[in-house]
């Protein structure tokens, strides 16, 4: 079973994504910020990480770079709001596999995960 770590400071978004992914047969874990994502990444070794860019404690870009420093093969998909294009480009340069714009479409999220794990 594919393990996905969902990282977003907005609980309602984490819950919504978790329900959708669990319904598709994924094993899902959640983290509320980049610092917690880093801890959980090392504990559960997820196949894919879906991570928001703007979060307290540690933002998604810093968490992306830190996780990729630990595991250069980490598959991380950034969740972003419209208007964050420059940050998205920096994330892609830092190794993000893809990005999904919020409000996201469930099919787009599933497509990004499928592409990342191939």
PDB file of N, CA and C in Angstrom:
ATOM      1  N   UNK A   1       0.848  -1.184   0.000  1.00  0.00           N
ATOM      2  CA  UNK A   1       0.000   0.000   0.000  1.00  0.00           C
ATOM      3  C   UNK A   1       0.895   1.249   0.000  1.00  0.00           C
ATOM      4  N   UNK A   2       0.562   2.180  -0.842  1.00  0.00           N
ATOM      5  CA  UNK A   2       1.319   3.425  -0.960  1.00  0.00           C
ATOM      6  C   UNK A   2       1.035   4.315   0.246  1.00  0.00           C
ATOM      7  N   UNK A   3       2.113   4.787   0.891  1.00  0.00           N
ATOM      8  CA  UNK A   3       1.990   5.669   2.051  1.00  0.00           C
ATOM      9  C   UNK A   3       2.146   7.120   1.609  1.00  0.00           C
ATOM     10  N   UNK A   4       1.196   7.953   2.038  1.00  0.00           N
ATOM     11  CA  UNK A   4       1.220   9.379   1.708  1.00  0.00           C
ATOM     12  C   UNK A   4       1.216  10.181   3.009  1.00  0.00           C
ATOM     13  N   UNK A   5       2.086  11.180   3.078  1.00  0.00           N
ATOM     14  CA  UNK A   5       2.105  12.110   4.204  1.00  0.00           C
ATOM     15  C   UNK A   5       1.510  13.426   3.714  1.00  0.00           C
ATOM     16  N   UNK A   6       0.415  13.859   4.344  1.00  0.00           N
ATOM     17  CA  UNK A   6      -0.264  15.105   3.982  1.00  0.00           C
ATOM     18  C   UNK A   6       0.134  16.173   4.998  1.00  0.00           C
ATOM     19  N   UNK A   7       0.730  17.271   4.510  1.00  0.00           N
ATOM     20  CA  UNK A   7       1.238  18.317   5.389  1.00  0.00           C
ATOM     21  C   UNK A   7       0.571  19.646   5.041  1.00  0.00           C
ATOM     22  N   UNK A   8      -0.235  20.149   5.973  1.00  0.00           N
ATOM     23  CA  UNK A   8      -0.906  21.441   5.779  1.00  0.00           C
ATOM     24  C   UNK A   8      -1.317  21.954   7.148  1.00  0.00           C
ATOM     25  N   UNK A   9      -1.182  23.254   7.373  1.00  0.00           N
ATOM     26  CA  UNK A   9      -1.574  23.811   8.659  1.00  0.00           C
ATOM     27  C   UNK A   9      -3.092  23.945   8.784  1.00  0.00           C
ATOM     28  N   UNK A  10      -3.812  23.841   7.685  1.00  0.00           N
ATOM     29  CA  UNK A  10      -5.276  23.915   7.717  1.00  0.00           C
ATOM     30  C   UNK A  10      -5.840  22.505   7.930  1.00  0.00           C
ATOM     31  N   UNK A  11      -6.357  22.263   9.130  1.00  0.00           N
ATOM     32  CA  UNK A  11      -6.845  20.927   9.473  1.00  0.00           C
ATOM     33  C   UNK A  11      -7.930  20.442   8.513  1.00  0.00           C
ATOM     34  N   UNK A  12      -8.855  21.319   8.125  1.00  0.00           N
ATOM     35  CA  UNK A  12      -9.940  20.901   7.244  1.00  0.00           C
ATOM     36  C   UNK A  12      -9.408  20.393   5.899  1.00  0.00           C
ATOM     37  N   UNK A  13      -8.319  20.990   5.410  1.00  0.00           N
ATOM     38  CA  UNK A  13      -7.724  20.521   4.148  1.00  0.00           C
ATOM     39  C   UNK A  13      -7.061  19.159   4.330  1.00  0.00           C
ATOM     40  N   UNK A  14      -6.335  18.994   5.442  1.00  0.00           N
ATOM     41  CA  UNK A  14      -5.709  17.693   5.723  1.00  0.00           C
ATOM     42  C   UNK A  14      -6.769  16.600   5.787  1.00  0.00           C
ATOM     43  N   UNK A  15      -7.849  16.885   6.517  1.00  0.00           N
ATOM     44  CA  UNK A  15      -8.921  15.895   6.684  1.00  0.00           C
ATOM     45  C   UNK A  15      -9.548  15.573   5.331  1.00  0.00           C
ATOM     46  N   UNK A  16      -9.802  16.585   4.545  1.00  0.00           N
ATOM     47  CA  UNK A  16     -10.432  16.390   3.224  1.00  0.00           C
ATOM     48  C   UNK A  16      -9.541  15.540   2.309  1.00  0.00           C
ATOM     49  N   UNK A  17      -8.248  15.862   2.256  1.00  0.00           N
ATOM     50  CA  UNK A  17      -7.325  15.102   1.416  1.00  0.00           C
ATOM     51  C   UNK A  17      -7.172  13.680   1.952  1.00  0.00           C
ATOM     52  N   UNK A  18      -7.065  13.548   3.275  1.00  0.00           N
ATOM     53  CA  UNK A  18      -6.912  12.227   3.890  1.00  0.00           C
ATOM     54  C   UNK A  18      -8.100  11.328   3.555  1.00  0.00           C
ATOM     55  N   UNK A  19      -9.315  11.842   3.699  1.00  0.00           N
ATOM     56  CA  UNK A  19     -10.513  11.050   3.382  1.00  0.00           C
ATOM     57  C   UNK A  19     -10.515  10.616   1.918  1.00  0.00           C
ATOM     58  N   UNK A  20     -10.172  11.562   1.047  1.00  0.00           N
ATOM     59  CA  UNK A  20     -10.166  11.263  -0.387  1.00  0.00           C
ATOM     60  C   UNK A  20      -9.136  10.180  -0.703  1.00  0.00           C
ATOM     61  N   UNK A  21      -7.919  10.318  -0.167  1.00  0.00           N
ATOM     62  CA  UNK A  21      -6.856   9.347  -0.453  1.00  0.00           C
ATOM     63  C   UNK A  21      -7.129   7.988   0.182  1.00  0.00           C
ATOM     64  N   UNK A  22      -7.642   7.989   1.405  1.00  0.00           N
ATOM     65  CA  UNK A  22      -7.973   6.725   2.073  1.00  0.00           C
ATOM     66  C   UNK A  22      -9.037   5.988   1.268  1.00  0.00           C
ATOM     67  N   UNK A  23      -9.990   6.736   0.722  1.00  0.00           N
ATOM     68  CA  UNK A  23     -11.031   6.139  -0.115  1.00  0.00           C
ATOM     69  C   UNK A  23     -10.483   5.529  -1.393  1.00  0.00           C
ATOM     70  N   UNK A  24      -9.300   5.971  -1.805  1.00  0.00           N
ATOM     71  CA  UNK A  24      -8.644   5.435  -3.006  1.00  0.00           C
ATOM     72  C   UNK A  24      -7.639   4.327  -2.653  1.00  0.00           C
ATOM     73  N   UNK A  25      -7.577   3.970  -1.360  1.00  0.00           N
ATOM     74  CA  UNK A  25      -6.724   2.859  -0.948  1.00  0.00           C
ATOM     75  C   UNK A  25      -5.321   3.231  -0.484  1.00  0.00           C
ATOM     76  N   UNK A  26      -5.061   4.510  -0.286  1.00  0.00           N
ATOM     77  CA  UNK A  26      -3.745   4.931   0.211  1.00  0.00           C
ATOM     78  C   UNK A  26      -3.719   4.882   1.734  1.00  0.00           C
ATOM     79  N   UNK A  27      -2.535   4.617   2.291  1.00  0.00           N
ATOM     80  CA  UNK A  27      -2.318   4.746   3.729  1.00  0.00           C
ATOM     81  C   UNK A  27      -1.879   6.187   3.951  1.00  0.00           C
ATOM     82  N   UNK A  28      -2.614   6.931   4.786  1.00  0.00           N
ATOM     83  CA  UNK A  28      -2.371   8.367   4.910  1.00  0.00           C
ATOM     84  C   UNK A  28      -2.017   8.752   6.342  1.00  0.00           C
ATOM     85  N   UNK A  29      -0.997   9.583   6.478  1.00  0.00           N
ATOM     86  CA  UNK A  29      -0.622  10.197   7.747  1.00  0.00           C
ATOM     87  C   UNK A  29      -0.663  11.701   7.544  1.00  0.00           C
ATOM     88  N   UNK A  30      -0.820  12.445   8.646  1.00  0.00           N
ATOM     89  CA  UNK A  30      -0.935  13.897   8.561  1.00  0.00           C
ATOM     90  C   UNK A  30       0.085  14.602   9.453  1.00  0.00           C
ATOM     91  N   UNK A  31       0.506  15.778   9.015  1.00  0.00           N
ATOM     92  CA  UNK A  31       1.348  16.661   9.825  1.00  0.00           C
ATOM     93  C   UNK A  31       0.847  18.087   9.633  1.00  0.00           C
ATOM     94  N   UNK A  32       0.961  18.901  10.702  1.00  0.00           N
ATOM     95  CA  UNK A  32       0.404  20.259  10.655  1.00  0.00           C
ATOM     96  C   UNK A  32       1.401  21.336  10.271  1.00  0.00           C
ATOM     97  N   UNK A  33       2.685  20.979  10.144  1.00  0.00           N
ATOM     98  CA  UNK A  33       3.683  21.958   9.722  1.00  0.00           C
ATOM     99  C   UNK A  33       4.937  21.238   9.231  1.00  0.00           C
ATOM    100  N   UNK A  34       5.877  22.011   8.699  1.00  0.00           N
ATOM    101  CA  UNK A  34       7.077  21.419   8.130  1.00  0.00           C
ATOM    102  C   UNK A  34       7.959  20.714   9.137  1.00  0.00           C
ATOM    103  N   UNK A  35       8.036  21.254  10.361  1.00  0.00           N
ATOM    104  CA  UNK A  35       8.863  20.633  11.400  1.00  0.00           C
ATOM    105  C   UNK A  35       8.324  19.242  11.742  1.00  0.00           C
ATOM    106  N   UNK A  36       7.021  19.157  11.898  1.00  0.00           N
ATOM    107  CA  UNK A  36       6.387  17.849  12.202  1.00  0.00           C
ATOM    108  C   UNK A  36       6.518  16.916  10.996  1.00  0.00           C
ATOM    109  N   UNK A  37       6.422  17.454   9.793  1.00  0.00           N
ATOM    110  CA  UNK A  37       6.577  16.646   8.572  1.00  0.00           C
ATOM    111  C   UNK A  37       7.953  15.999   8.537  1.00  0.00           C
ATOM    112  N   UNK A  38       8.969  16.748   8.913  1.00  0.00           N
ATOM    113  CA  UNK A  38      10.335  16.231   8.933  1.00  0.00           C
ATOM    114  C   UNK A  38      10.450  15.056   9.904  1.00  0.00           C
ATOM    115  N   UNK A  39       9.889  15.217  11.116  1.00  0.00           N
ATOM    116  CA  UNK A  39       9.890  14.123  12.098  1.00  0.00           C
ATOM    117  C   UNK A  39       9.165  12.903  11.545  1.00  0.00           C
ATOM    118  N   UNK A  40       7.973  13.119  11.023  1.00  0.00           N
ATOM    119  CA  UNK A  40       7.160  12.005  10.532  1.00  0.00           C
ATOM    120  C   UNK A  40       7.789  11.342   9.314  1.00  0.00           C
ATOM    121  N   UNK A  41       8.415  12.131   8.444  1.00  0.00           N
ATOM    122  CA  UNK A  41       9.056  11.554   7.260  1.00  0.00           C
ATOM    123  C   UNK A  41      10.081  10.514   7.691  1.00  0.00           C
ATOM    124  N   UNK A  42      10.868  10.852   8.702  1.00  0.00           N
ATOM    125  CA  UNK A  42      11.903   9.936   9.160  1.00  0.00           C
ATOM    126  C   UNK A  42      11.317   8.717   9.862  1.00  0.00           C
ATOM    127  N   UNK A  43      10.157   8.872  10.499  1.00  0.00           N
ATOM    128  CA  UNK A  43       9.519   7.762  11.214  1.00  0.00           C
ATOM    129  C   UNK A  43       8.814   6.798  10.271  1.00  0.00           C
ATOM    130  N   UNK A  44       7.990   7.339   9.370  1.00  0.00           N
ATOM    131  CA  UNK A  44       7.122   6.453   8.570  1.00  0.00           C
ATOM    132  C   UNK A  44       7.623   6.192   7.155  1.00  0.00           C
ATOM    133  N   UNK A  45       8.599   6.957   6.695  1.00  0.00           N
ATOM    134  CA  UNK A  45       9.157   6.787   5.346  1.00  0.00           C
ATOM    135  C   UNK A  45       8.052   6.689   4.285  1.00  0.00           C
ATOM    136  N   UNK A  46       7.286   7.780   4.097  1.00  0.00           N
ATOM    137  CA  UNK A  46       6.195   7.739   3.116  1.00  0.00           C
ATOM    138  C   UNK A  46       6.717   7.638   1.679  1.00  0.00           C
ATOM    139  N   UNK A  47       5.869   7.124   0.808  1.00  0.00           N
ATOM    140  CA  UNK A  47       6.209   7.034  -0.614  1.00  0.00           C
ATOM    141  C   UNK A  47       6.098   8.404  -1.277  1.00  0.00           C
ATOM    142  N   UNK A  48       5.137   9.203  -0.799  1.00  0.00           N
ATOM    143  CA  UNK A  48       4.876  10.530  -1.369  1.00  0.00           C
ATOM    144  C   UNK A  48       4.491  11.484  -0.241  1.00  0.00           C
ATOM    145  N   UNK A  49       4.905  12.749  -0.382  1.00  0.00           N
ATOM    146  CA  UNK A  49       4.505  13.802   0.552  1.00  0.00           C
ATOM    147  C   UNK A  49       3.740  14.859  -0.232  1.00  0.00           C
ATOM    148  N   UNK A  50       2.554  15.231   0.273  1.00  0.00           N
ATOM    149  CA  UNK A  50       1.794  16.364  -0.270  1.00  0.00           C
ATOM    150  C   UNK A  50       1.985  17.479   0.751  1.00  0.00           C
ATOM    151  N   UNK A  51       2.626  18.584   0.366  1.00  0.00           N
ATOM    152  CA  UNK A  51       2.995  19.601   1.346  1.00  0.00           C
ATOM    153  C   UNK A  51       2.619  21.007   0.927  1.00  0.00           C
ATOM    154  N   UNK A  52       1.940  21.690   1.842  1.00  0.00           N
ATOM    155  CA  UNK A  52       1.612  23.096   1.653  1.00  0.00           C
ATOM    156  C   UNK A  52       2.899  23.919   1.703  1.00  0.00           C
ATOM    157  N   UNK A  53       2.913  25.061   1.048  1.00  0.00           N
ATOM    158  CA  UNK A  53       4.096  25.915   1.060  1.00  0.00           C
ATOM    159  C   UNK A  53       4.098  26.840   2.283  1.00  0.00           C
ATOM    160  N   UNK A  54       2.974  27.479   2.570  1.00  0.00           N
ATOM    161  CA  UNK A  54       2.917  28.467   3.638  1.00  0.00           C
ATOM    162  C   UNK A  54       2.364  27.846   4.916  1.00  0.00           C
ATOM    163  N   UNK A  55       3.259  27.680   5.920  1.00  0.00           N
ATOM    164  CA  UNK A  55       2.874  27.093   7.207  1.00  0.00           C
ATOM    165  C   UNK A  55       3.724  27.718   8.317  1.00  0.00           C
ATOM    166  N   UNK A  56       3.204  27.679   9.556  1.00  0.00           N
ATOM    167  CA  UNK A  56       3.996  28.176  10.682  1.00  0.00           C
ATOM    168  C   UNK A  56       5.088  27.167  11.069  1.00  0.00           C
ATOM    169  N   UNK A  57       5.980  27.569  11.916  1.00  0.00           N
ATOM    170  CA  UNK A  57       7.109  26.797  12.444  1.00  0.00           C
ATOM    171  C   UNK A  57       8.164  26.508  11.389  1.00  0.00           C
ATOM    172  N   UNK A  58       7.814  25.767  10.361  1.00  0.00           N
ATOM    173  CA  UNK A  58       8.726  25.534   9.241  1.00  0.00           C
ATOM    174  C   UNK A  58       7.883  25.491   7.976  1.00  0.00           C
ATOM    175  N   UNK A  59       8.177  26.392   7.025  1.00  0.00           N
ATOM    176  CA  UNK A  59       7.379  26.430   5.802  1.00  0.00           C
ATOM    177  C   UNK A  59       7.698  25.224   4.910  1.00  0.00           C
ATOM    178  N   UNK A  60       6.866  25.018   3.922  1.00  0.00           N
ATOM    179  CA  UNK A  60       7.002  23.865   3.048  1.00  0.00           C
ATOM    180  C   UNK A  60       8.282  23.849   2.229  1.00  0.00           C
ATOM    181  N   UNK A  61       8.752  25.020   1.829  1.00  0.00           N
ATOM    182  CA  UNK A  61       9.977  25.090   1.027  1.00  0.00           C
ATOM    183  C   UNK A  61      11.192  24.654   1.855  1.00  0.00           C
ATOM    184  N   UNK A  62      11.264  25.124   3.097  1.00  0.00           N
ATOM    185  CA  UNK A  62      12.356  24.723   3.987  1.00  0.00           C
ATOM    186  C   UNK A  62      12.271  23.225   4.285  1.00  0.00           C
ATOM    187  N   UNK A  63      11.061  22.737   4.546  1.00  0.00           N
ATOM    188  CA  UNK A  63      10.873  21.305   4.819  1.00  0.00           C
ATOM    189  C   UNK A  63      11.256  20.468   3.595  1.00  0.00           C
ATOM    190  N   UNK A  64      10.876  20.920   2.406  1.00  0.00           N
ATOM    191  CA  UNK A  64      11.242  20.228   1.164  1.00  0.00           C
ATOM    192  C   UNK A  64      12.756  20.082   1.065  1.00  0.00           C
ATOM    193  N   UNK A  65      13.466  21.196   1.244  1.00  0.00           N
ATOM    194  CA  UNK A  65      14.927  21.176   1.128  1.00  0.00           C
ATOM    195  C   UNK A  65      15.565  20.288   2.198  1.00  0.00           C
ATOM    196  N   UNK A  66      15.015  20.333   3.411  1.00  0.00           N
ATOM    197  CA  UNK A  66      15.564  19.522   4.502  1.00  0.00           C
ATOM    198  C   UNK A  66      15.327  18.040   4.255  1.00  0.00           C
ATOM    199  N   UNK A  67      14.115  17.677   3.867  1.00  0.00           N
ATOM    200  CA  UNK A  67      13.802  16.269   3.587  1.00  0.00           C
ATOM    201  C   UNK A  67      14.634  15.762   2.419  1.00  0.00           C
ATOM    202  N   UNK A  68      14.751  16.565   1.362  1.00  0.00           N
ATOM    203  CA  UNK A  68      15.557  16.141   0.204  1.00  0.00           C
ATOM    204  C   UNK A  68      17.040  16.033   0.562  1.00  0.00           C
ATOM    205  N   UNK A  69      17.474  16.804   1.564  1.00  0.00           N
ATOM    206  CA  UNK A  69      18.852  16.684   2.038  1.00  0.00           C
ATOM    207  C   UNK A  69      19.092  15.354   2.736  1.00  0.00           C
ATOM    208  N   UNK A  70      18.072  14.875   3.435  1.00  0.00           N
ATOM    209  CA  UNK A  70      18.144  13.587   4.128  1.00  0.00           C
ATOM    210  C   UNK A  70      17.938  12.437   3.142  1.00  0.00           C
ATOM    211  N   UNK A  71      16.962  12.616   2.250  1.00  0.00           N
ATOM    212  CA  UNK A  71      16.606  11.585   1.271  1.00  0.00           C
ATOM    213  C   UNK A  71      16.471  12.225  -0.113  1.00  0.00           C
ATOM    214  N   UNK A  72      17.547  12.179  -0.909  1.00  0.00           N
ATOM    215  CA  UNK A  72      17.504  12.800  -2.238  1.00  0.00           C
ATOM    216  C   UNK A  72      16.443  12.205  -3.167  1.00  0.00           C
ATOM    217  N   UNK A  73      15.914  11.027  -2.816  1.00  0.00           N
ATOM    218  CA  UNK A  73      14.885  10.389  -3.637  1.00  0.00           C
ATOM    219  C   UNK A  73      13.470  10.686  -3.159  1.00  0.00           C
ATOM    220  N   UNK A  74      13.331  11.543  -2.153  1.00  0.00           N
ATOM    221  CA  UNK A  74      12.005  11.875  -1.618  1.00  0.00           C
ATOM    222  C   UNK A  74      11.119  12.427  -2.727  1.00  0.00           C
ATOM    223  N   UNK A  75       9.886  11.952  -2.742  1.00  0.00           N
ATOM    224  CA  UNK A  75       8.903  12.409  -3.738  1.00  0.00           C
ATOM    225  C   UNK A  75       7.928  13.345  -3.052  1.00  0.00           C
ATOM    226  N   UNK A  76       8.096  14.630  -3.331  1.00  0.00           N
ATOM    227  CA  UNK A  76       7.304  15.656  -2.656  1.00  0.00           C
ATOM    228  C   UNK A  76       6.536  16.477  -3.685  1.00  0.00           C
ATOM    229  N   UNK A  77       5.239  16.613  -3.425  1.00  0.00           N
ATOM    230  CA  UNK A  77       4.343  17.398  -4.279  1.00  0.00           C
ATOM    231  C   UNK A  77       3.898  18.594  -3.454  1.00  0.00           C
ATOM    232  N   UNK A  78       4.084  19.785  -3.978  1.00  0.00           N
ATOM    233  CA  UNK A  78       3.737  20.999  -3.252  1.00  0.00           C
ATOM    234  C   UNK A  78       2.278  21.385  -3.508  1.00  0.00           C
ATOM    235  N   UNK A  79       1.609  21.811  -2.437  1.00  0.00           N
ATOM    236  CA  UNK A  79       0.260  22.357  -2.524  1.00  0.00           C
ATOM    237  C   UNK A  79       0.410  23.864  -2.407  1.00  0.00           C
ATOM    238  N   UNK A  80      -0.131  24.597  -3.350  1.00  0.00           N
ATOM    239  CA  UNK A  80       0.106  26.034  -3.380  1.00  0.00           C
ATOM    240  C   UNK A  80      -1.155  26.824  -3.705  1.00  0.00           C
ATOM    241  N   UNK A  81      -1.198  28.035  -3.216  1.00  0.00           N
ATOM    242  CA  UNK A  81      -2.284  28.953  -3.552  1.00  0.00           C
ATOM    243  C   UNK A  81      -1.916  29.684  -4.839  1.00  0.00           C
ATOM    244  N   UNK A  82      -2.894  30.194  -5.522  1.00  0.00           N
ATOM    245  CA  UNK A  82      -2.615  31.003  -6.707  1.00  0.00           C
ATOM    246  C   UNK A  82      -1.751  32.192  -6.306  1.00  0.00           C
ATOM    247  N   UNK A  83      -0.852  32.595  -7.181  1.00  0.00           N
ATOM    248  CA  UNK A  83      -0.020  33.754  -6.904  1.00  0.00           C
ATOM    249  C   UNK A  83       1.309  33.421  -6.249  1.00  0.00           C
ATOM    250  N   UNK A  84       1.596  32.135  -6.079  1.00  0.00           N
ATOM    251  CA  UNK A  84       2.871  31.744  -5.459  1.00  0.00           C
ATOM    252  C   UNK A  84       3.827  31.145  -6.494  1.00  0.00           C
ATOM    253  N   UNK A  85       3.743  31.631  -7.728  1.00  0.00           N
ATOM    254  CA  UNK A  85       4.520  31.044  -8.825  1.00  0.00           C
ATOM    255  C   UNK A  85       6.026  31.050  -8.576  1.00  0.00           C
ATOM    256  N   UNK A  86       6.558  32.147  -8.017  1.00  0.00           N
ATOM    257  CA  UNK A  86       8.006  32.215  -7.808  1.00  0.00           C
ATOM    258  C   UNK A  86       8.453  31.179  -6.778  1.00  0.00           C
ATOM    259  N   UNK A  87       7.637  30.968  -5.752  1.00  0.00           N
ATOM    260  CA  UNK A  87       7.970  29.969  -4.740  1.00  0.00           C
ATOM    261  C   UNK A  87       7.860  28.566  -5.332  1.00  0.00           C
ATOM    262  N   UNK A  88       6.870  28.350  -6.176  1.00  0.00           N
ATOM    263  CA  UNK A  88       6.710  27.053  -6.837  1.00  0.00           C
ATOM    264  C   UNK A  88       7.933  26.753  -7.695  1.00  0.00           C
ATOM    265  N   UNK A  89       8.414  27.743  -8.430  1.00  0.00           N
ATOM    266  CA  UNK A  89       9.597  27.526  -9.272  1.00  0.00           C
ATOM    267  C   UNK A  89      10.806  27.172  -8.408  1.00  0.00           C
ATOM    268  N   UNK A  90      10.944  27.831  -7.273  1.00  0.00           N
ATOM    269  CA  UNK A  90      12.037  27.520  -6.350  1.00  0.00           C
ATOM    270  C   UNK A  90      11.888  26.098  -5.810  1.00  0.00           C
ATOM    271  N   UNK A  91      10.654  25.692  -5.513  1.00  0.00           N
ATOM    272  CA  UNK A  91      10.391  24.339  -5.009  1.00  0.00           C
ATOM    273  C   UNK A  91      10.745  23.290  -6.060  1.00  0.00           C
ATOM    274  N   UNK A  92      10.387  23.538  -7.307  1.00  0.00           N
ATOM    275  CA  UNK A  92      10.707  22.597  -8.387  1.00  0.00           C
ATOM    276  C   UNK A  92      12.229  22.491  -8.543  1.00  0.00           C
ATOM    277  N   UNK A  93      12.922  23.624  -8.482  1.00  0.00           N
ATOM    278  CA  UNK A  93      14.384  23.610  -8.567  1.00  0.00           C
ATOM    279  C   UNK A  93      14.999  22.842  -7.398  1.00  0.00           C
ATOM    280  N   UNK A  94      14.321  22.877  -6.237  1.00  0.00           N
ATOM    281  CA  UNK A  94      14.817  22.194  -5.040  1.00  0.00           C
ATOM    282  C   UNK A  94      14.438  20.713  -5.022  1.00  0.00           C
ATOM    283  N   UNK A  95      13.696  20.273  -6.043  1.00  0.00           N
ATOM    284  CA  UNK A  95      13.407  18.851  -6.147  1.00  0.00           C
ATOM    285  C   UNK A  95      11.960  18.426  -6.016  1.00  0.00           C
ATOM    286  N   UNK A  96      11.025  19.364  -5.895  1.00  0.00           N
ATOM    287  CA  UNK A  96       9.609  18.978  -5.846  1.00  0.00           C
ATOM    288  C   UNK A  96       9.248  18.279  -7.161  1.00  0.00           C
ATOM    289  N   UNK A  97       8.491  17.197  -7.042  1.00  0.00           N
ATOM    290  CA  UNK A  97       8.112  16.415  -8.220  1.00  0.00           C
ATOM    291  C   UNK A  97       6.987  17.063  -9.015  1.00  0.00           C
ATOM    292  N   UNK A  98       6.142  17.832  -8.314  1.00  0.00           N
ATOM    293  CA  UNK A  98       4.977  18.424  -8.965  1.00  0.00           C
ATOM    294  C   UNK A  98       4.395  19.450  -8.001  1.00  0.00           C
ATOM    295  N   UNK A  99       3.366  20.140  -8.441  1.00  0.00           N
ATOM    296  CA  UNK A  99       2.633  21.039  -7.559  1.00  0.00           C
ATOM    297  C   UNK A  99       1.174  21.031  -7.953  1.00  0.00           C
ATOM    298  N   UNK A 100       0.313  21.250  -6.960  1.00  0.00           N
ATOM    299  CA  UNK A 100      -1.125  21.282  -7.162  1.00  0.00           C
ATOM    300  C   UNK A 100      -1.619  22.608  -6.587  1.00  0.00           C
ATOM    301  N   UNK A 101      -2.391  23.337  -7.391  1.00  0.00           N
ATOM    302  CA  UNK A 101      -2.908  24.647  -6.976  1.00  0.00           C
ATOM    303  C   UNK A 101      -4.213  24.460  -6.202  1.00  0.00           C
ATOM    304  N   UNK A 102      -4.301  25.153  -5.059  1.00  0.00           N
ATOM    305  CA  UNK A 102      -5.534  25.159  -4.266  1.00  0.00           C
ATOM    306  C   UNK A 102      -6.457  26.252  -4.788  1.00  0.00           C
ATOM    307  N   UNK A 103      -7.742  26.120  -4.756  1.00  0.00           N
ATOM    308  CA  UNK A 103      -8.429  24.901  -4.338  1.00  0.00           C
ATOM    309  C   UNK A 103      -8.187  23.804  -5.372  1.00  0.00           C
ATOM    310  N   UNK A 104      -7.831  22.653  -4.888  1.00  0.00           N
ATOM    311  CA  UNK A 104      -7.406  21.579  -5.780  1.00  0.00           C
ATOM    312  C   UNK A 104      -8.578  20.720  -6.242  1.00  0.00           C
ATOM    313  N   UNK A 105      -8.346  20.063  -7.337  1.00  0.00           N
ATOM    314  CA  UNK A 105      -9.277  19.094  -7.901  1.00  0.00           C
ATOM    315  C   UNK A 105      -8.770  17.707  -7.491  1.00  0.00           C
ATOM    316  N   UNK A 106      -9.646  16.860  -6.968  1.00  0.00           N
ATOM    317  CA  UNK A 106      -9.243  15.531  -6.497  1.00  0.00           C
ATOM    318  C   UNK A 106      -8.509  14.740  -7.576  1.00  0.00           C
ATOM    319  N   UNK A 107      -9.001  14.807  -8.808  1.00  0.00           N
ATOM    320  CA  UNK A 107      -8.356  14.075  -9.901  1.00  0.00           C
ATOM    321  C   UNK A 107      -6.929  14.573 -10.127  1.00  0.00           C
ATOM    322  N   UNK A 108      -6.713  15.863  -9.967  1.00  0.00           N
ATOM    323  CA  UNK A 108      -5.364  16.434 -10.147  1.00  0.00           C
ATOM    324  C   UNK A 108      -4.411  15.922  -9.058  1.00  0.00           C
ATOM    325  N   UNK A 109      -4.898  15.839  -7.829  1.00  0.00           N
ATOM    326  CA  UNK A 109      -4.083  15.318  -6.722  1.00  0.00           C
ATOM    327  C   UNK A 109      -3.722  13.864  -6.998  1.00  0.00           C
ATOM    328  N   UNK A 110      -4.699  13.068  -7.382  1.00  0.00           N
ATOM    329  CA  UNK A 110      -4.457  11.643  -7.668  1.00  0.00           C
ATOM    330  C   UNK A 110      -3.489  11.471  -8.834  1.00  0.00           C
ATOM    331  N   UNK A 111      -3.626  12.311  -9.842  1.00  0.00           N
ATOM    332  CA  UNK A 111      -2.722  12.268 -11.000  1.00  0.00           C
ATOM    333  C   UNK A 111      -1.293  12.592 -10.580  1.00  0.00           C
ATOM    334  N   UNK A 112      -1.122  13.606  -9.742  1.00  0.00           N
ATOM    335  CA  UNK A 112       0.214  14.001  -9.283  1.00  0.00           C
ATOM    336  C   UNK A 112       0.868  12.876  -8.472  1.00  0.00           C
ATOM    337  N   UNK A 113       0.087  12.228  -7.614  1.00  0.00           N
ATOM    338  CA  UNK A 113       0.619  11.116  -6.810  1.00  0.00           C
ATOM    339  C   UNK A 113       1.001   9.961  -7.710  1.00  0.00           C
ATOM    340  N   UNK A 114       0.117   9.611  -8.625  1.00  0.00           N
ATOM    341  CA  UNK A 114       0.386   8.504  -9.555  1.00  0.00           C
ATOM    342  C   UNK A 114       1.661   8.752 -10.359  1.00  0.00           C
ATOM    343  N   UNK A 115       1.818   9.963 -10.830  1.00  0.00           N
ATOM    344  CA  UNK A 115       3.008  10.329 -11.613  1.00  0.00           C
ATOM    345  C   UNK A 115       4.273  10.253 -10.736  1.00  0.00           C
ATOM    346  N   UNK A 116       4.176  10.686  -9.489  1.00  0.00           N
ATOM    347  CA  UNK A 116       5.328  10.719  -8.592  1.00  0.00           C
ATOM    348  C   UNK A 116       5.838   9.320  -8.212  1.00  0.00           C
ATOM    349  N   UNK A 117       4.926   8.358  -8.111  1.00  0.00           N
ATOM    350  CA  UNK A 117       5.348   7.032  -7.658  1.00  0.00           C
ATOM    351  C   UNK A 117       5.743   6.099  -8.794  1.00  0.00           C
ATOM    352  N   UNK A 118       5.632   6.560 -10.023  1.00  0.00           N
ATOM    353  CA  UNK A 118       6.031   5.716 -11.157  1.00  0.00           C
ATOM    354  C   UNK A 118       7.530   5.601 -11.236  1.00  0.00           C
TER     355      UNK A 118
END
